[in-house]
Amino acid sequence: MRRFAWVLVFAALIAALLYAFRAPLSTRLLERVAIQRMTADPVSALPDGIHVVLCGAGSPLPDPQRSGPCVAVVAGGKLYVVDAGSGAARNLLGMNLPPGAVEAVFLTHFHSDHIDGLGELALQRWVGGSHEQPLPLVGPTGVDRIARGFNTAYEPDHGYRVAHHGEQVVPSSGAGFDAHPYPTPSPGSEQTVWEEGGLRVSAFRVEHPPIDPAVGYRFDYGGRSVVISGDTRKSVEIERMARDVDLLVHEALAPQLVGVMERAALANGMQNRAKIMADILDYHASPVEAAQSAQTAGARHLLFYHVVPPLLVPGMQAAFLEGVTDAYSGDVSVGRDGTRVWLPPDSSAIEVSGES
C-alpha cells in the first residue's frame, strides 16, 4: 500500500513538472516538427503509381467533414489538382501535400464552389515554392477569363509581398495564374490537355446544363487510370471514358434527401430555397445513377465526392447509398476530406483509406 502511495506521489510530481515546463517543452516539440516538415519532400516520397486524395469532398452546403470540391492527384512524383473549392489550399497543407508543389490546376467548370479556393491556392503555391512561373490553370474555353479575374483581384497583394519579402523570395514573375484554355471536346471525343513524365490527362464533355462548358478528366499513368466526373447528371460520356477504369471519382446527389430539405423549406415559407432544392435535382447524378454508370463502364472502384446533401445525422449515409449495391457490383467508398486511394503501377491493387 505504501509503495502504491509513493507511485502516486511520483506520478503527481512528474505531472506537475510537465505542466510547469509545458511552454518550453511544446516549443521544443514544435521546433522538431517544423524542421522535419520543412526538410521533407512528401510528394516525391510517395511510392510510385497514382495517388488520389480528396482535398474537398463536399458541395456549397456546409459539412464539417467535406469542404468545397477539390481532388489532388499525384503521379510520377508530381502533384496536380482538379478544381479548388473553399478550403483547398489549407486542406492540402493538412494532408501533407504542400501547395508549393502543385504543378497545375484543372478546372471542370466555372461554378463558384469549384473555383472559390483558387486565389489562396495560387498564393500559397507562389509563396511556398518561390516559383518564377505562374501556376498553370487548365480548363475549357473561358478559363482565361477566370485567370484574369483572380490575377486582377490579387494584384495588390502580390505587390505587397514582393515589397515586403523581395524578388528572390517571391519572384513577381511567378504570381497568379497562366491560363491554358482548350476547346470543349465534342460528344464521343476527348482531348489530351496535359502530358508529362508518363502521365496523360484527357478532358471530355459532361452534362451539367445550363452550365457550359463542363468537362471531366481522365488520368492515365503507369498502367493505371482514374476518371473524375466533375459536376454532371448521368452521362454516356463518363461511361465511355471510364471503360475498365481502375477508379471512378463521381459526384452524387441523393434526391430523396434533398427532397426532405425542399419540403422543410416550403413548410417554413422559404419558396426561394425550396426552388433551388428542386432545381439542383436535374443537373446532378444520383448515387444510383453514378453506380449504374460505373457498372456499365466496368469501373473497378467507385468513390463518391461532391456529396449532397451533407451526411450529418447517423444513418444518412445508409440512406445516401440506398440502391447502390443493386446497381453496381464493385467496391464503393463515400469520400470525405482526406480520403486517399493509391493505385500501384502495373498492378490491380486499389488501396483506400480515410473513407466514411
Protein backbone atom coordinates (compact mmCIF):
# COMPACT_ATOMS: atom_id res chain seq x y z
CA MET A 1 0.00 0.00 0.00
CA ARG A 2 2.87 2.31 0.87
CA ARG A 3 4.54 1.53 -2.47
CA PHE A 4 1.35 2.42 -4.31
CA ALA A 5 1.19 5.74 -2.45
CA TRP A 6 4.79 6.53 -3.48
CA VAL A 7 3.93 5.73 -7.11
CA LEU A 8 1.04 8.19 -6.95
CA VAL A 9 3.28 10.84 -5.42
CA PHE A 10 5.94 10.29 -8.11
CA ALA A 11 3.34 10.43 -10.91
CA ALA A 12 1.90 13.63 -9.48
CA LEU A 13 5.40 15.16 -9.29
CA ILE A 14 6.11 14.27 -12.95
CA ALA A 15 2.75 15.72 -13.98
CA ALA A 16 3.48 18.91 -12.06
CA LEU A 17 6.92 19.24 -13.69
CA LEU A 18 5.47 18.67 -17.17
CA TYR A 19 2.82 21.29 -16.50
CA ALA A 20 5.36 23.76 -15.14
CA PHE A 21 7.62 23.39 -18.20
CA ARG A 22 4.85 22.99 -20.76
CA ALA A 23 5.79 26.15 -22.67
CA PRO A 24 9.48 25.27 -23.36
CA LEU A 25 8.60 21.62 -23.97
CA SER A 26 5.93 22.50 -26.52
CA THR A 27 8.27 25.00 -28.18
CA ARG A 28 10.97 22.35 -28.48
CA LEU A 29 8.49 19.88 -29.91
CA LEU A 30 7.28 22.48 -32.41
CA GLU A 31 10.88 23.12 -33.46
CA ARG A 32 11.49 19.43 -34.17
CA VAL A 33 8.25 19.03 -36.09
CA ALA A 34 8.86 22.20 -38.10
CA ILE A 35 12.34 21.05 -39.12
CA GLN A 36 11.00 17.66 -40.19
CA ARG A 37 8.12 19.18 -42.18
CA MET A 38 10.24 21.83 -43.89
CA THR A 39 13.03 19.47 -44.93
CA ALA A 40 10.73 16.72 -46.17
CA ASP A 41 9.50 16.29 -49.74
CA PRO A 42 6.24 14.43 -49.08
CA VAL A 43 5.11 14.33 -52.72
CA SER A 44 8.21 12.70 -54.19
CA ALA A 45 8.43 10.43 -51.12
CA LEU A 46 5.15 8.73 -52.06
CA PRO A 47 5.52 5.32 -53.72
CA ASP A 48 5.09 5.23 -57.48
CA GLY A 49 1.66 4.94 -59.05
CA ILE A 50 -1.39 7.18 -58.95
CA HIS A 51 -2.43 8.69 -55.63
CA VAL A 52 -5.86 10.34 -55.40
CA VAL A 53 -6.63 12.48 -52.35
CA LEU A 54 -9.92 14.27 -51.75
CA CYS A 55 -8.90 17.77 -50.66
CA GLY A 56 -12.60 18.63 -50.80
CA ALA A 57 -15.40 16.05 -50.93
CA GLY A 58 -18.39 18.35 -50.49
CA SER A 59 -20.58 20.97 -52.09
CA PRO A 60 -21.67 24.57 -51.33
CA LEU A 61 -23.69 23.25 -48.38
CA PRO A 62 -21.75 23.36 -45.07
CA ASP A 63 -20.40 19.99 -44.00
CA PRO A 64 -17.78 19.60 -41.23
CA GLN A 65 -16.33 16.53 -43.00
CA ARG A 66 -16.46 17.80 -46.59
CA SER A 67 -15.08 21.06 -47.96
CA GLY A 68 -15.61 22.54 -51.44
CA PRO A 69 -14.77 20.26 -54.38
CA CYS A 70 -11.04 19.52 -54.76
CA VAL A 71 -9.26 16.38 -55.95
CA ALA A 72 -5.48 16.05 -55.69
CA VAL A 73 -3.71 13.60 -57.99
CA VAL A 74 -0.07 12.58 -57.56
CA ALA A 75 1.51 10.74 -60.49
CA GLY A 76 5.17 10.44 -61.42
CA GLY A 77 6.15 12.24 -58.24
CA LYS A 78 4.22 15.38 -59.22
CA LEU A 79 1.12 16.96 -57.71
CA TYR A 80 -1.90 18.13 -59.69
CA VAL A 81 -5.26 19.47 -58.53
CA VAL A 82 -8.71 19.18 -60.12
CA ASP A 83 -10.93 22.11 -59.03
CA ALA A 84 -10.26 24.23 -55.97
CA GLY A 85 -13.27 24.87 -53.77
CA SER A 86 -13.07 26.73 -50.48
CA GLY A 87 -10.54 25.19 -48.12
CA ALA A 88 -8.49 23.56 -50.88
CA ALA A 89 -5.09 25.05 -50.01
CA ARG A 90 -5.44 24.56 -46.25
CA ASN A 91 -6.67 21.02 -46.70
CA LEU A 92 -3.68 20.22 -48.91
CA LEU A 93 -1.34 21.54 -46.24
CA GLY A 94 -3.11 19.49 -43.58
CA MET A 95 -2.86 16.40 -45.78
CA ASN A 96 0.92 16.86 -46.17
CA LEU A 97 0.58 17.89 -49.82
CA PRO A 98 2.24 21.32 -49.94
CA PRO A 99 0.58 23.81 -52.31
CA GLY A 100 4.07 24.91 -53.30
CA ALA A 101 4.42 21.59 -55.12
CA VAL A 102 1.31 21.93 -57.30
CA GLU A 103 2.24 21.61 -60.99
CA ALA A 104 -1.13 22.57 -62.50
CA VAL A 105 -4.82 23.00 -61.69
CA PHE A 106 -7.51 21.54 -63.96
CA LEU A 107 -10.98 23.08 -63.86
CA THR A 108 -14.09 21.06 -64.69
CA HIS A 109 -16.36 24.15 -64.96
CA PHE A 110 -16.71 27.62 -63.55
CA HIS A 111 -19.37 27.24 -60.84
CA SER A 112 -18.26 29.29 -57.83
CA ASP A 113 -17.92 26.33 -55.46
CA HIS A 114 -15.29 24.81 -57.78
CA ILE A 115 -13.15 27.94 -58.09
CA ASP A 116 -13.57 29.96 -54.91
CA GLY A 117 -10.40 28.49 -53.38
CA LEU A 118 -8.23 29.29 -56.41
CA GLY A 119 -6.87 32.59 -55.13
CA GLU A 120 -5.50 31.16 -51.91
CA LEU A 121 -4.13 28.08 -53.69
CA ALA A 122 -2.18 30.15 -56.23
CA LEU A 123 -0.88 32.45 -53.49
CA GLN A 124 0.24 29.56 -51.26
CA ARG A 125 1.86 27.86 -54.24
CA TRP A 126 3.77 31.01 -55.25
CA VAL A 127 4.94 31.97 -51.78
CA GLY A 128 5.54 28.38 -50.61
CA GLY A 129 7.62 27.42 -53.64
CA SER A 130 9.26 30.71 -54.70
CA HIS A 131 8.05 29.93 -58.21
CA GLU A 132 9.29 32.05 -61.10
CA GLN A 133 6.42 30.98 -63.38
CA PRO A 134 2.71 31.39 -62.58
CA LEU A 135 0.51 28.41 -61.82
CA PRO A 136 -0.91 26.77 -64.98
CA LEU A 137 -4.72 26.89 -64.90
CA VAL A 138 -6.03 24.37 -67.41
CA GLY A 139 -9.66 24.39 -68.47
CA PRO A 140 -12.12 24.68 -71.33
CA THR A 141 -12.68 27.90 -73.24
CA GLY A 142 -13.30 30.71 -70.76
CA VAL A 143 -10.63 29.69 -68.27
CA ASP A 144 -8.52 32.66 -69.37
CA ARG A 145 -11.27 34.95 -68.03
CA ILE A 146 -11.15 33.14 -64.67
CA ALA A 147 -7.36 33.50 -64.54
CA ARG A 148 -7.51 37.22 -65.36
CA GLY A 149 -10.12 37.82 -62.70
CA PHE A 150 -8.09 36.22 -59.92
CA ASN A 151 -4.88 37.85 -61.12
CA THR A 152 -6.56 41.25 -61.01
CA ALA A 153 -8.11 40.67 -57.59
CA TYR A 154 -4.78 39.55 -56.08
CA GLU A 155 -2.57 42.09 -57.86
CA PRO A 156 -2.29 44.45 -54.85
CA ASP A 157 -1.43 41.54 -52.55
CA HIS A 158 1.26 40.34 -54.96
CA GLY A 159 2.83 43.81 -54.86
CA TYR A 160 2.75 43.94 -51.07
CA ARG A 161 4.51 40.60 -50.73
CA VAL A 162 7.26 41.40 -53.23
CA ALA A 163 7.85 44.74 -51.48
CA HIS A 164 8.00 43.02 -48.10
CA HIS A 165 9.96 39.83 -48.85
CA GLY A 166 11.89 40.73 -52.01
CA GLU A 167 12.13 39.31 -55.52
CA GLN A 168 14.48 36.49 -54.51
CA VAL A 169 11.92 35.10 -52.06
CA VAL A 170 8.73 35.77 -54.05
CA PRO A 171 9.63 36.44 -57.70
CA SER A 172 6.94 38.69 -59.15
CA SER A 173 7.03 36.67 -62.39
CA GLY A 174 5.59 33.65 -60.55
CA ALA A 175 2.48 35.26 -59.08
CA GLY A 176 -1.03 34.25 -60.10
CA PHE A 177 -2.20 32.05 -62.95
CA ASP A 178 -1.23 31.29 -66.53
CA ALA A 179 -4.36 30.15 -68.42
CA HIS A 180 -4.24 27.09 -70.68
CA PRO A 181 -7.61 27.02 -72.48
CA TYR A 182 -8.77 24.30 -74.85
CA PRO A 183 -11.97 23.85 -76.91
CA THR A 184 -14.57 21.72 -75.15
CA PRO A 185 -14.44 18.25 -76.76
CA SER A 186 -17.49 17.24 -78.75
CA PRO A 187 -19.52 14.19 -77.66
CA GLY A 188 -17.72 10.97 -78.46
CA SER A 189 -14.27 12.55 -78.41
CA GLU A 190 -11.68 13.59 -75.87
CA GLN A 191 -8.64 15.85 -75.87
CA THR A 192 -5.23 15.37 -74.29
CA VAL A 193 -4.68 18.54 -72.23
CA TRP A 194 -1.52 17.60 -70.30
CA GLU A 195 1.28 15.12 -70.93
CA GLU A 196 4.35 14.86 -68.74
CA GLY A 197 6.60 12.16 -67.32
CA GLY A 198 4.41 9.27 -68.44
CA LEU A 199 1.19 10.95 -67.28
CA ARG A 200 -1.58 11.74 -69.76
CA VAL A 201 -4.59 13.86 -68.77
CA SER A 202 -7.58 13.80 -71.11
CA ALA A 203 -10.64 16.06 -70.99
CA PHE A 204 -14.14 15.07 -72.11
CA ARG A 205 -17.56 16.72 -72.16
CA VAL A 206 -20.12 16.05 -69.42
CA GLU A 207 -23.75 17.14 -68.93
CA HIS A 208 -24.40 19.91 -66.40
CA PRO A 209 -26.91 22.20 -68.16
CA PRO A 210 -27.24 25.15 -68.23
CA ILE A 211 -23.53 25.26 -67.32
CA ASP A 212 -21.41 25.17 -70.45
CA PRO A 213 -18.58 24.32 -70.74
CA ALA A 214 -18.46 21.40 -68.30
CA VAL A 215 -15.88 18.62 -68.52
CA GLY A 216 -14.45 15.65 -66.68
CA TYR A 217 -10.87 14.36 -66.70
CA ARG A 218 -9.14 11.03 -67.10
CA PHE A 219 -5.63 10.45 -65.68
CA ASP A 220 -3.52 7.60 -67.09
CA TYR A 221 -0.15 6.70 -65.61
CA GLY A 222 1.84 3.51 -65.00
CA GLY A 223 -0.83 1.24 -66.43
CA ARG A 224 -3.46 2.65 -64.03
CA SER A 225 -6.36 5.02 -64.65
CA VAL A 226 -8.68 7.44 -62.84
CA VAL A 227 -11.74 9.32 -64.10
CA ILE A 228 -13.01 12.41 -62.25
CA SER A 229 -16.53 13.34 -63.25
CA GLY A 230 -16.84 16.97 -62.21
CA ASP A 231 -20.46 18.05 -61.83
CA THR A 232 -22.77 16.14 -64.18
CA ARG A 233 -26.00 14.30 -64.48
CA LYS A 234 -25.83 10.68 -65.69
CA SER A 235 -23.63 10.79 -68.77
CA VAL A 236 -22.79 8.35 -71.56
CA GLU A 237 -19.52 10.26 -71.97
CA ILE A 238 -18.46 9.24 -68.48
CA GLU A 239 -19.40 5.65 -69.21
CA ARG A 240 -17.28 5.80 -72.38
CA MET A 241 -14.26 7.43 -70.76
CA ALA A 242 -14.45 5.24 -67.65
CA ARG A 243 -14.41 1.99 -69.62
CA ASP A 244 -12.43 -0.51 -67.49
CA VAL A 245 -11.00 2.35 -65.39
CA ASP A 246 -9.47 1.48 -62.03
CA LEU A 247 -11.13 4.31 -60.11
CA LEU A 248 -14.20 6.40 -60.94
CA VAL A 249 -14.48 9.50 -58.75
CA HIS A 250 -18.10 10.52 -59.31
CA GLU A 251 -20.26 13.31 -57.87
CA ALA A 252 -23.63 12.35 -56.39
CA LEU A 253 -26.78 13.97 -55.04
CA ALA A 254 -29.35 11.90 -53.14
CA PRO A 255 -32.75 13.14 -54.43
CA GLN A 256 -34.81 11.69 -51.59
CA LEU A 257 -32.68 13.53 -49.01
CA VAL A 258 -32.69 16.79 -50.94
CA GLY A 259 -36.47 16.36 -51.18
CA VAL A 260 -36.64 16.43 -47.38
CA MET A 261 -34.82 19.78 -47.43
CA GLU A 262 -37.19 21.12 -50.10
CA ARG A 263 -40.26 20.18 -48.08
CA ALA A 264 -38.75 21.73 -44.94
CA ALA A 265 -38.15 24.97 -46.83
CA LEU A 266 -41.73 25.03 -48.11
CA ALA A 267 -43.08 24.36 -44.63
CA ASN A 268 -41.21 27.43 -43.40
CA GLY A 269 -42.31 29.69 -46.24
CA MET A 270 -38.89 29.72 -47.91
CA GLN A 271 -40.04 29.39 -51.51
CA ASN A 272 -36.76 30.59 -52.98
CA ARG A 273 -34.75 27.97 -51.10
CA ALA A 274 -37.30 25.28 -51.99
CA LYS A 275 -36.97 26.26 -55.68
CA ILE A 276 -33.19 25.85 -55.51
CA MET A 277 -33.54 22.42 -53.89
CA ALA A 278 -35.92 21.38 -56.68
CA ASP A 279 -33.74 22.80 -59.44
CA ILE A 280 -30.49 21.08 -58.45
CA LEU A 281 -32.03 17.65 -58.98
CA ASP A 282 -31.91 18.00 -62.76
CA TYR A 283 -28.16 18.56 -63.26
CA HIS A 284 -26.58 16.17 -60.77
CA ALA A 285 -26.37 12.37 -60.85
CA SER A 286 -27.93 10.37 -58.05
CA PRO A 287 -25.80 7.78 -56.24
CA VAL A 288 -27.72 5.03 -58.06
CA GLU A 289 -27.17 6.69 -61.44
CA ALA A 290 -23.45 7.04 -60.72
CA ALA A 291 -23.41 3.36 -59.73
CA GLN A 292 -25.17 2.42 -62.96
CA SER A 293 -22.55 4.32 -64.95
CA ALA A 294 -19.76 2.58 -63.03
CA GLN A 295 -21.36 -0.80 -63.76
CA THR A 296 -21.82 -0.03 -67.47
CA ALA A 297 -18.23 1.17 -67.75
CA GLY A 298 -16.77 -1.74 -65.81
CA ALA A 299 -15.03 0.62 -63.36
CA ARG A 300 -13.28 -1.33 -60.62
CA HIS A 301 -13.93 1.08 -57.72
CA LEU A 302 -16.47 3.87 -57.27
CA LEU A 303 -15.62 6.80 -55.00
CA PHE A 304 -18.35 9.36 -54.30
CA TYR A 305 -17.43 13.02 -53.89
CA HIS A 306 -19.30 16.33 -54.16
CA VAL A 307 -21.66 14.60 -51.73
CA VAL A 308 -25.09 16.27 -51.50
CA PRO A 309 -26.63 16.82 -49.03
CA PRO A 310 -24.22 16.81 -46.07
CA LEU A 311 -24.44 13.49 -44.20
CA LEU A 312 -24.81 15.00 -40.73
CA VAL A 313 -27.19 12.58 -38.99
CA PRO A 314 -26.38 8.94 -38.11
CA GLY A 315 -27.92 6.69 -40.72
CA MET A 316 -27.87 9.30 -43.50
CA GLN A 317 -25.00 7.56 -45.28
CA ALA A 318 -27.10 4.38 -45.48
CA ALA A 319 -29.92 6.45 -46.97
CA PHE A 320 -27.47 8.09 -49.40
CA LEU A 321 -26.35 4.64 -50.60
CA GLU A 322 -29.83 3.13 -51.00
CA GLY A 323 -29.92 1.05 -54.18
CA VAL A 324 -26.22 1.47 -54.98
CA THR A 325 -25.19 -2.13 -54.36
CA ASP A 326 -28.10 -3.32 -56.51
CA ALA A 327 -26.81 -1.19 -59.39
CA TYR A 328 -23.06 -1.79 -59.07
CA SER A 329 -21.14 -4.95 -58.27
CA GLY A 330 -17.80 -3.32 -57.47
CA ASP A 331 -16.42 -1.71 -54.32
CA VAL A 332 -17.86 1.64 -53.21
CA SER A 333 -16.49 4.38 -50.95
CA VAL A 334 -18.19 7.55 -49.74
CA GLY A 335 -15.49 10.19 -49.73
CA ARG A 336 -14.75 12.82 -47.13
CA ASP A 337 -11.89 15.28 -46.83
CA GLY A 338 -8.69 13.26 -46.61
CA THR A 339 -9.91 10.10 -48.34
CA ARG A 340 -6.94 8.57 -50.18
CA VAL A 341 -6.68 5.98 -52.92
CA TRP A 342 -3.38 4.50 -54.12
CA LEU A 343 -3.11 2.63 -57.41
CA PRO A 344 0.33 0.97 -57.56
CA PRO A 345 1.79 0.85 -61.09
CA ASP A 346 1.24 -2.18 -63.33
CA SER A 347 -0.96 -3.80 -60.69
CA SER A 348 -4.60 -4.47 -59.92
CA ALA A 349 -4.34 -3.33 -56.30
CA ILE A 350 -6.58 -0.50 -55.06
CA GLU A 351 -5.75 0.76 -51.57
CA VAL A 352 -8.33 3.06 -49.97
CA SER A 353 -8.06 4.84 -46.63
CA GLY A 354 -9.98 7.56 -44.81
CA GLU A 355 -13.38 6.96 -46.38
CA SER A 356 -16.62 7.23 -44.39
